Amino acid sequence: MVAVHKPAHDIILKPVVSEKSYALSDRGQYTFVVAKDANKVQIKQAIEEIFKVKVISVNTLNRAGKRVRTRYGYGQRDSQKRAIVTVAEGQSIDIFGN
């Protein structure tokens, strides 16, 4: 089987900015929305390439889209795959671009 290499920005879609993810950044953990077909190794390589940090671990989770009611009936929000990335001690990722 041949490995298919995707560009790093096709794997890491966007950071998650919420109270919970912001609190995790104090411990060196950052949350990102990633491509649904990305695995932990691809996510680790993409983060290291984009942000130039050493990644210690990657935890992934799949979030199912909620069923929502609209005036036209029922629909569903998009499902997401998220990655919680832990970086090495003393390193950080500047999500807000300061």
N, C-alpha and C. Protein backbone atom coordinates (compact mmCIF):
# COMPACT_ATOMS: atom_id res chain seq x y z
N MET A 1 0.84 -1.18 0.00
CA MET A 1 0.00 0.00 0.00
C MET A 1 0.88 1.23 0.00
N VAL A 2 0.59 2.17 -0.86
CA VAL A 2 1.38 3.39 -1.00
C VAL A 2 0.75 4.49 -0.16
N ALA A 3 1.59 5.20 0.60
CA ALA A 3 1.09 6.30 1.43
C ALA A 3 0.77 7.51 0.55
N VAL A 4 -0.36 8.12 0.80
CA VAL A 4 -0.77 9.32 0.08
C VAL A 4 -0.50 10.51 0.99
N HIS A 5 0.33 11.43 0.51
CA HIS A 5 0.69 12.59 1.31
C HIS A 5 -0.18 13.78 0.91
N LYS A 6 -0.92 14.30 1.89
CA LYS A 6 -1.75 15.47 1.67
C LYS A 6 -1.01 16.68 2.24
N PRO A 7 -1.21 17.86 1.67
CA PRO A 7 -0.62 19.06 2.26
C PRO A 7 -1.13 19.27 3.69
N ALA A 8 -0.28 19.86 4.53
CA ALA A 8 -0.60 20.03 5.95
C ALA A 8 -1.88 20.84 6.16
N HIS A 9 -2.10 21.84 5.31
CA HIS A 9 -3.29 22.68 5.49
C HIS A 9 -4.56 22.00 5.01
N ASP A 10 -4.46 20.87 4.33
CA ASP A 10 -5.64 20.07 4.00
C ASP A 10 -6.00 19.13 5.13
N ILE A 11 -5.07 18.89 6.05
CA ILE A 11 -5.31 18.02 7.20
C ILE A 11 -5.83 18.83 8.38
N ILE A 12 -5.17 19.93 8.69
CA ILE A 12 -5.59 20.80 9.79
C ILE A 12 -6.49 21.87 9.19
N LEU A 13 -7.79 21.82 9.51
CA LEU A 13 -8.75 22.73 8.90
C LEU A 13 -8.85 24.06 9.64
N LYS A 14 -9.01 24.01 10.97
CA LYS A 14 -9.11 25.25 11.75
C LYS A 14 -8.94 24.93 13.23
N PRO A 15 -8.52 25.92 14.02
CA PRO A 15 -8.46 25.70 15.47
C PRO A 15 -9.86 25.85 16.08
N VAL A 16 -10.06 25.20 17.20
CA VAL A 16 -11.31 25.33 17.94
C VAL A 16 -11.09 26.38 19.02
N VAL A 17 -11.87 27.45 18.98
CA VAL A 17 -11.74 28.52 19.96
C VAL A 17 -12.99 28.49 20.83
N SER A 18 -12.85 27.95 22.02
CA SER A 18 -13.95 27.89 22.98
C SER A 18 -13.34 28.01 24.38
N GLU A 19 -14.19 28.14 25.37
CA GLU A 19 -13.69 28.25 26.74
C GLU A 19 -12.93 27.00 27.16
N LYS A 20 -13.45 25.86 26.79
CA LYS A 20 -12.81 24.60 27.18
C LYS A 20 -11.46 24.43 26.49
N SER A 21 -11.39 24.72 25.19
CA SER A 21 -10.12 24.57 24.48
C SER A 21 -9.11 25.63 24.94
N TYR A 22 -9.60 26.81 25.28
CA TYR A 22 -8.70 27.86 25.78
C TYR A 22 -8.12 27.48 27.13
N ALA A 23 -8.90 26.81 27.98
CA ALA A 23 -8.41 26.36 29.28
C ALA A 23 -7.36 25.26 29.11
N LEU A 24 -7.51 24.42 28.10
CA LEU A 24 -6.52 23.36 27.84
C LEU A 24 -5.18 23.93 27.39
N SER A 25 -5.18 25.12 26.79
CA SER A 25 -3.92 25.68 26.29
C SER A 25 -2.96 26.01 27.42
N ASP A 26 -3.45 26.17 28.65
CA ASP A 26 -2.57 26.39 29.80
C ASP A 26 -1.73 25.15 30.08
N ARG A 27 -2.24 23.99 29.69
CA ARG A 27 -1.52 22.73 29.91
C ARG A 27 -0.76 22.27 28.67
N GLY A 28 -0.71 23.12 27.65
CA GLY A 28 0.01 22.78 26.44
C GLY A 28 -0.78 21.90 25.49
N GLN A 29 -2.11 21.93 25.60
CA GLN A 29 -2.97 21.14 24.72
C GLN A 29 -3.81 22.09 23.88
N TYR A 30 -3.88 21.79 22.57
CA TYR A 30 -4.59 22.64 21.63
C TYR A 30 -5.54 21.78 20.81
N THR A 31 -6.71 22.32 20.50
CA THR A 31 -7.75 21.57 19.80
C THR A 31 -7.92 22.13 18.39
N PHE A 32 -8.00 21.21 17.41
CA PHE A 32 -8.16 21.57 16.01
C PHE A 32 -9.24 20.72 15.37
N VAL A 33 -9.95 21.29 14.40
CA VAL A 33 -10.83 20.51 13.54
C VAL A 33 -9.95 19.99 12.41
N VAL A 34 -10.01 18.68 12.17
CA VAL A 34 -9.13 18.06 11.18
C VAL A 34 -9.97 17.33 10.13
N ALA A 35 -9.32 16.93 9.05
CA ALA A 35 -9.99 16.18 7.99
C ALA A 35 -10.48 14.85 8.54
N LYS A 36 -11.62 14.39 8.06
CA LYS A 36 -12.23 13.17 8.59
C LYS A 36 -11.40 11.92 8.32
N ASP A 37 -10.61 11.94 7.23
CA ASP A 37 -9.81 10.77 6.90
C ASP A 37 -8.38 10.85 7.42
N ALA A 38 -8.05 11.87 8.21
CA ALA A 38 -6.70 12.03 8.74
C ALA A 38 -6.49 11.11 9.94
N ASN A 39 -5.29 10.52 10.03
CA ASN A 39 -4.96 9.71 11.20
C ASN A 39 -4.02 10.48 12.12
N LYS A 40 -3.68 9.89 13.26
CA LYS A 40 -2.89 10.60 14.26
C LYS A 40 -1.50 10.95 13.77
N VAL A 41 -0.89 10.09 12.99
CA VAL A 41 0.46 10.34 12.48
C VAL A 41 0.44 11.53 11.52
N GLN A 42 -0.55 11.57 10.63
CA GLN A 42 -0.67 12.69 9.69
C GLN A 42 -0.93 14.00 10.42
N ILE A 43 -1.76 13.96 11.47
CA ILE A 43 -2.06 15.16 12.25
C ILE A 43 -0.81 15.66 12.95
N LYS A 44 -0.05 14.75 13.53
CA LYS A 44 1.20 15.12 14.22
C LYS A 44 2.18 15.78 13.25
N GLN A 45 2.38 15.19 12.09
CA GLN A 45 3.31 15.74 11.11
C GLN A 45 2.83 17.10 10.61
N ALA A 46 1.54 17.27 10.41
CA ALA A 46 1.00 18.54 9.92
C ALA A 46 1.18 19.66 10.95
N ILE A 47 0.92 19.37 12.22
CA ILE A 47 1.08 20.37 13.29
C ILE A 47 2.54 20.78 13.41
N GLU A 48 3.44 19.79 13.37
CA GLU A 48 4.87 20.10 13.47
C GLU A 48 5.35 20.92 12.28
N GLU A 49 4.80 20.66 11.11
CA GLU A 49 5.19 21.40 9.91
C GLU A 49 4.66 22.83 9.94
N ILE A 50 3.40 23.01 10.32
CA ILE A 50 2.78 24.33 10.28
C ILE A 50 3.30 25.23 11.40
N PHE A 51 3.32 24.73 12.64
CA PHE A 51 3.60 25.57 13.80
C PHE A 51 5.03 25.44 14.32
N LYS A 52 5.84 24.53 13.77
CA LYS A 52 7.25 24.36 14.16
C LYS A 52 7.39 24.08 15.66
N VAL A 53 6.58 23.13 16.16
CA VAL A 53 6.64 22.70 17.56
C VAL A 53 6.82 21.19 17.60
N LYS A 54 7.22 20.67 18.76
CA LYS A 54 7.37 19.23 18.96
C LYS A 54 6.08 18.71 19.58
N VAL A 55 5.42 17.77 18.89
CA VAL A 55 4.15 17.22 19.36
C VAL A 55 4.44 15.96 20.18
N ILE A 56 3.90 15.91 21.39
CA ILE A 56 4.08 14.77 22.28
C ILE A 56 3.01 13.71 22.02
N SER A 57 1.74 14.13 21.94
CA SER A 57 0.66 13.16 21.72
C SER A 57 -0.49 13.82 20.96
N VAL A 58 -1.29 12.95 20.33
CA VAL A 58 -2.47 13.39 19.59
C VAL A 58 -3.64 12.50 20.00
N ASN A 59 -4.71 13.10 20.46
CA ASN A 59 -5.95 12.39 20.76
C ASN A 59 -7.01 12.87 19.79
N THR A 60 -7.76 11.94 19.20
CA THR A 60 -8.79 12.31 18.23
C THR A 60 -10.16 11.93 18.75
N LEU A 61 -11.17 12.66 18.27
CA LEU A 61 -12.54 12.33 18.61
C LEU A 61 -13.44 12.72 17.46
N ASN A 62 -14.45 11.91 17.22
CA ASN A 62 -15.44 12.18 16.18
C ASN A 62 -16.71 12.70 16.84
N ARG A 63 -17.16 13.86 16.40
CA ARG A 63 -18.38 14.45 16.94
C ARG A 63 -19.48 14.34 15.90
N ALA A 64 -20.52 13.64 16.24
CA ALA A 64 -21.66 13.48 15.33
C ALA A 64 -22.44 14.78 15.27
N GLY A 65 -22.93 15.11 14.09
CA GLY A 65 -23.71 16.33 13.92
C GLY A 65 -25.07 16.21 14.59
N LYS A 66 -25.49 17.30 15.21
CA LYS A 66 -26.78 17.29 15.89
C LYS A 66 -27.93 17.35 14.89
N ARG A 67 -29.03 16.73 15.24
CA ARG A 67 -30.25 16.82 14.46
C ARG A 67 -30.95 18.12 14.85
N VAL A 68 -31.26 18.94 13.87
CA VAL A 68 -31.86 20.24 14.15
C VAL A 68 -33.18 20.35 13.41
N ARG A 69 -34.08 21.10 14.00
CA ARG A 69 -35.39 21.32 13.38
C ARG A 69 -35.40 22.70 12.73
N THR A 70 -35.82 22.76 11.50
CA THR A 70 -35.95 24.02 10.79
C THR A 70 -37.42 24.23 10.43
N ARG A 71 -37.71 25.35 9.82
CA ARG A 71 -39.10 25.59 9.44
C ARG A 71 -39.55 24.69 8.30
N TYR A 72 -38.60 24.04 7.64
CA TYR A 72 -38.92 23.16 6.52
C TYR A 72 -38.87 21.68 6.89
N GLY A 73 -38.60 21.38 8.12
CA GLY A 73 -38.51 19.99 8.55
C GLY A 73 -37.26 19.77 9.39
N TYR A 74 -36.67 18.62 9.25
CA TYR A 74 -35.48 18.30 10.04
C TYR A 74 -34.24 18.25 9.15
N GLY A 75 -33.15 18.61 9.75
CA GLY A 75 -31.86 18.55 9.07
C GLY A 75 -30.81 18.06 10.03
N GLN A 76 -29.57 18.12 9.62
CA GLN A 76 -28.49 17.68 10.49
C GLN A 76 -27.27 18.56 10.25
N ARG A 77 -26.64 18.97 11.34
CA ARG A 77 -25.40 19.72 11.23
C ARG A 77 -24.29 18.77 10.79
N ASP A 78 -23.22 19.33 10.27
CA ASP A 78 -22.10 18.52 9.81
C ASP A 78 -21.40 17.85 10.99
N SER A 79 -20.95 16.62 10.77
CA SER A 79 -20.12 15.93 11.74
C SER A 79 -18.70 16.47 11.63
N GLN A 80 -17.94 16.38 12.74
CA GLN A 80 -16.58 16.89 12.77
C GLN A 80 -15.65 15.86 13.38
N LYS A 81 -14.40 15.90 12.95
CA LYS A 81 -13.35 15.16 13.62
C LYS A 81 -12.43 16.20 14.25
N ARG A 82 -12.15 16.04 15.53
CA ARG A 82 -11.30 16.97 16.25
C ARG A 82 -10.06 16.25 16.76
N ALA A 83 -9.00 17.01 16.90
CA ALA A 83 -7.76 16.47 17.44
C ALA A 83 -7.31 17.37 18.58
N ILE A 84 -6.97 16.76 19.71
CA ILE A 84 -6.39 17.48 20.85
C ILE A 84 -4.92 17.14 20.83
N VAL A 85 -4.10 18.16 20.58
CA VAL A 85 -2.66 17.98 20.39
C VAL A 85 -1.93 18.50 21.61
N THR A 86 -1.03 17.68 22.18
CA THR A 86 -0.20 18.08 23.30
C THR A 86 1.20 18.38 22.79
N VAL A 87 1.70 19.58 23.07
CA VAL A 87 3.03 19.97 22.62
C VAL A 87 4.03 19.82 23.77
N ALA A 88 5.32 19.84 23.42
CA ALA A 88 6.38 19.65 24.41
C ALA A 88 6.37 20.78 25.44
N GLU A 89 6.91 20.48 26.60
CA GLU A 89 6.99 21.45 27.69
C GLU A 89 7.77 22.68 27.26
N GLY A 90 7.24 23.86 27.55
CA GLY A 90 7.91 25.09 27.20
C GLY A 90 7.58 25.63 25.81
N GLN A 91 6.87 24.85 25.00
CA GLN A 91 6.48 25.30 23.66
C GLN A 91 4.99 25.66 23.66
N SER A 92 4.61 26.52 22.72
CA SER A 92 3.22 26.90 22.62
C SER A 92 2.87 27.19 21.16
N ILE A 93 1.58 27.20 20.89
CA ILE A 93 1.06 27.51 19.57
C ILE A 93 0.26 28.80 19.70
N ASP A 94 0.57 29.78 18.85
CA ASP A 94 -0.12 31.06 18.89
C ASP A 94 -1.33 30.99 17.97
N ILE A 95 -2.48 30.65 18.53
CA ILE A 95 -3.71 30.49 17.74
C ILE A 95 -4.27 31.83 17.28
N PHE A 96 -4.14 32.85 18.12
CA PHE A 96 -4.75 34.14 17.81
C PHE A 96 -3.87 35.03 16.97
N GLY A 97 -2.64 34.63 16.67
CA GLY A 97 -1.77 35.38 15.79
C GLY A 97 -1.20 36.65 16.40
N ASN A 98 -0.95 36.66 17.70
CA ASN A 98 -0.38 37.84 18.36
C ASN A 98 1.09 37.93 18.14
